[in-house]
Amino acid sequence: MSQTKREQVISHIRYLRQELREMQLSIKEDDLFPEPGELRGIMAQLEVLLELVEGNTRIQSNSEAA
């Protein structure tokens, strides 16, 4: 994985981890569930991260097959 992609993945993971921690605390302390839009935002970020990782995996798999 190139350094730039690695940094992007790390950044995405840190952001998502923080967002999920905040949601968990909100649920635990206040019994407040996140808004549907917040959940959709997190899911969209997970999709971006997955595409980033899968894109790199596909490139490595193609180059290994050659």
N, C-alpha and C. Protein backbone atom coordinates (compact mmCIF):
# COMPACT_ATOMS: atom_id res chain seq x y z
N MET A 1 0.86 -1.17 0.00
CA MET A 1 0.00 0.00 0.00
C MET A 1 0.90 1.22 0.00
N SER A 2 0.61 2.15 -0.89
CA SER A 2 1.44 3.35 -0.95
C SER A 2 1.29 4.15 0.32
N GLN A 3 2.28 4.97 0.60
CA GLN A 3 2.28 5.75 1.84
C GLN A 3 1.07 6.69 1.89
N THR A 4 0.72 7.30 0.75
CA THR A 4 -0.41 8.23 0.72
C THR A 4 -1.71 7.50 1.05
N LYS A 5 -1.94 6.35 0.45
CA LYS A 5 -3.14 5.58 0.73
C LYS A 5 -3.15 5.11 2.17
N ARG A 6 -2.01 4.69 2.65
CA ARG A 6 -1.91 4.26 4.05
C ARG A 6 -2.30 5.40 4.98
N GLU A 7 -1.82 6.59 4.71
CA GLU A 7 -2.15 7.76 5.53
C GLU A 7 -3.64 8.07 5.44
N GLN A 8 -4.24 7.91 4.25
CA GLN A 8 -5.67 8.15 4.09
C GLN A 8 -6.47 7.14 4.91
N VAL A 9 -6.07 5.89 4.86
CA VAL A 9 -6.77 4.85 5.61
C VAL A 9 -6.65 5.11 7.11
N ILE A 10 -5.47 5.44 7.56
CA ILE A 10 -5.26 5.73 8.99
C ILE A 10 -6.11 6.91 9.42
N SER A 11 -6.16 7.93 8.61
CA SER A 11 -6.96 9.12 8.92
C SER A 11 -8.44 8.78 9.00
N HIS A 12 -8.93 8.00 8.04
CA HIS A 12 -10.34 7.59 8.05
C HIS A 12 -10.66 6.76 9.30
N ILE A 13 -9.78 5.84 9.62
CA ILE A 13 -10.02 4.97 10.77
C ILE A 13 -10.05 5.79 12.06
N ARG A 14 -9.12 6.72 12.20
CA ARG A 14 -9.11 7.57 13.41
C ARG A 14 -10.39 8.37 13.53
N TYR A 15 -10.82 8.96 12.41
CA TYR A 15 -12.04 9.75 12.41
C TYR A 15 -13.25 8.89 12.80
N LEU A 16 -13.36 7.74 12.17
CA LEU A 16 -14.50 6.85 12.45
C LEU A 16 -14.48 6.35 13.88
N ARG A 17 -13.30 6.03 14.39
CA ARG A 17 -13.19 5.56 15.76
C ARG A 17 -13.67 6.63 16.74
N GLN A 18 -13.28 7.89 16.49
CA GLN A 18 -13.71 8.98 17.36
C GLN A 18 -15.22 9.18 17.29
N GLU A 19 -15.77 9.16 16.08
CA GLU A 19 -17.21 9.33 15.92
C GLU A 19 -17.98 8.21 16.63
N LEU A 20 -17.52 7.00 16.49
CA LEU A 20 -18.19 5.87 17.13
C LEU A 20 -18.07 5.92 18.65
N ARG A 21 -16.92 6.39 19.15
CA ARG A 21 -16.78 6.55 20.60
C ARG A 21 -17.79 7.55 21.13
N GLU A 22 -17.94 8.67 20.41
CA GLU A 22 -18.89 9.70 20.83
C GLU A 22 -20.32 9.16 20.81
N MET A 23 -20.65 8.38 19.79
CA MET A 23 -21.99 7.78 19.73
C MET A 23 -22.20 6.82 20.90
N GLN A 24 -21.19 6.00 21.18
CA GLN A 24 -21.31 5.04 22.28
C GLN A 24 -21.52 5.77 23.60
N LEU A 25 -20.75 6.82 23.85
CA LEU A 25 -20.91 7.57 25.10
C LEU A 25 -22.29 8.20 25.20
N SER A 26 -22.79 8.70 24.09
CA SER A 26 -24.11 9.30 24.08
C SER A 26 -25.17 8.26 24.42
N ILE A 27 -25.04 7.09 23.87
CA ILE A 27 -26.00 6.01 24.16
C ILE A 27 -25.86 5.57 25.61
N LYS A 28 -24.64 5.39 26.06
CA LYS A 28 -24.38 4.87 27.40
C LYS A 28 -24.80 5.86 28.49
N GLU A 29 -24.42 7.11 28.34
CA GLU A 29 -24.66 8.09 29.39
C GLU A 29 -26.05 8.70 29.34
N ASP A 30 -26.54 8.99 28.16
CA ASP A 30 -27.78 9.75 28.04
C ASP A 30 -28.94 8.95 27.47
N ASP A 31 -28.70 7.70 27.11
CA ASP A 31 -29.71 6.89 26.44
C ASP A 31 -30.25 7.58 25.19
N LEU A 32 -29.38 8.33 24.52
CA LEU A 32 -29.76 9.00 23.27
C LEU A 32 -29.13 8.26 22.11
N PHE A 33 -29.95 7.86 21.19
CA PHE A 33 -29.44 7.18 20.02
C PHE A 33 -29.09 8.22 18.96
N PRO A 34 -28.11 7.93 18.12
CA PRO A 34 -27.72 8.89 17.09
C PRO A 34 -28.83 9.11 16.07
N GLU A 35 -28.79 10.27 15.47
CA GLU A 35 -29.74 10.58 14.40
C GLU A 35 -29.45 9.68 13.20
N PRO A 36 -30.47 9.34 12.42
CA PRO A 36 -30.23 8.52 11.24
C PRO A 36 -29.20 9.12 10.28
N GLY A 37 -29.19 10.43 10.17
CA GLY A 37 -28.21 11.09 9.30
C GLY A 37 -26.78 10.86 9.77
N GLU A 38 -26.59 10.83 11.09
CA GLU A 38 -25.25 10.56 11.63
C GLU A 38 -24.81 9.16 11.27
N LEU A 39 -25.74 8.21 11.40
CA LEU A 39 -25.40 6.82 11.06
C LEU A 39 -25.11 6.68 9.57
N ARG A 40 -25.90 7.36 8.74
CA ARG A 40 -25.65 7.31 7.29
C ARG A 40 -24.28 7.91 6.97
N GLY A 41 -23.91 8.96 7.68
CA GLY A 41 -22.59 9.58 7.47
C GLY A 41 -21.46 8.62 7.81
N ILE A 42 -21.60 7.93 8.93
CA ILE A 42 -20.58 6.96 9.32
C ILE A 42 -20.51 5.83 8.31
N MET A 43 -21.68 5.35 7.87
CA MET A 43 -21.70 4.27 6.88
C MET A 43 -21.06 4.72 5.57
N ALA A 44 -21.30 5.96 5.17
CA ALA A 44 -20.68 6.48 3.95
C ALA A 44 -19.17 6.53 4.10
N GLN A 45 -18.69 6.94 5.27
CA GLN A 45 -17.25 6.97 5.51
C GLN A 45 -16.66 5.56 5.47
N LEU A 46 -17.39 4.59 6.02
CA LEU A 46 -16.93 3.21 5.96
C LEU A 46 -16.87 2.70 4.52
N GLU A 47 -17.84 3.11 3.71
CA GLU A 47 -17.82 2.72 2.29
C GLU A 47 -16.60 3.30 1.59
N VAL A 48 -16.28 4.57 1.87
CA VAL A 48 -15.10 5.20 1.27
C VAL A 48 -13.84 4.45 1.67
N LEU A 49 -13.76 4.11 2.95
CA LEU A 49 -12.60 3.38 3.45
C LEU A 49 -12.50 2.02 2.79
N LEU A 50 -13.62 1.33 2.68
CA LEU A 50 -13.62 0.01 2.04
C LEU A 50 -13.18 0.10 0.58
N GLU A 51 -13.69 1.09 -0.13
CA GLU A 51 -13.29 1.26 -1.53
C GLU A 51 -11.81 1.56 -1.64
N LEU A 52 -11.30 2.36 -0.73
CA LEU A 52 -9.88 2.68 -0.74
C LEU A 52 -9.04 1.43 -0.53
N VAL A 53 -9.44 0.63 0.44
CA VAL A 53 -8.69 -0.59 0.75
C VAL A 53 -8.87 -1.63 -0.35
N GLU A 54 -10.11 -1.84 -0.82
CA GLU A 54 -10.35 -2.83 -1.86
C GLU A 54 -9.70 -2.43 -3.17
N GLY A 55 -9.68 -1.17 -3.47
CA GLY A 55 -9.02 -0.70 -4.69
C GLY A 55 -7.56 -1.07 -4.68
N ASN A 56 -6.92 -0.90 -3.55
CA ASN A 56 -5.52 -1.25 -3.41
C ASN A 56 -5.33 -2.75 -3.47
N THR A 57 -6.23 -3.51 -2.89
CA THR A 57 -6.13 -4.97 -2.91
C THR A 57 -6.26 -5.48 -4.34
N ARG A 58 -7.21 -4.92 -5.10
CA ARG A 58 -7.38 -5.35 -6.49
C ARG A 58 -6.13 -5.06 -7.31
N ILE A 59 -5.52 -3.91 -7.09
CA ILE A 59 -4.31 -3.54 -7.83
C ILE A 59 -3.19 -4.51 -7.50
N GLN A 60 -3.01 -4.85 -6.19
CA GLN A 60 -1.99 -5.78 -5.80
C GLN A 60 -2.27 -7.17 -6.37
N SER A 61 -3.51 -7.60 -6.37
CA SER A 61 -3.85 -8.93 -6.88
C SER A 61 -3.57 -9.00 -8.37
N ASN A 62 -3.91 -7.96 -9.12
CA ASN A 62 -3.65 -7.95 -10.55
C ASN A 62 -2.16 -7.96 -10.85
N SER A 63 -1.38 -7.20 -10.09
CA SER A 63 0.06 -7.15 -10.36
C SER A 63 0.74 -8.46 -9.93
N GLU A 64 0.22 -9.13 -8.92
CA GLU A 64 0.78 -10.40 -8.50
C GLU A 64 0.47 -11.49 -9.52
N ALA A 65 -0.69 -11.39 -10.17
CA ALA A 65 -1.06 -12.39 -11.18
C ALA A 65 -0.22 -12.28 -12.43
N ALA A 66 0.30 -11.09 -12.69
CA ALA A 66 1.08 -10.86 -13.92
C ALA A 66 2.44 -11.45 -13.87
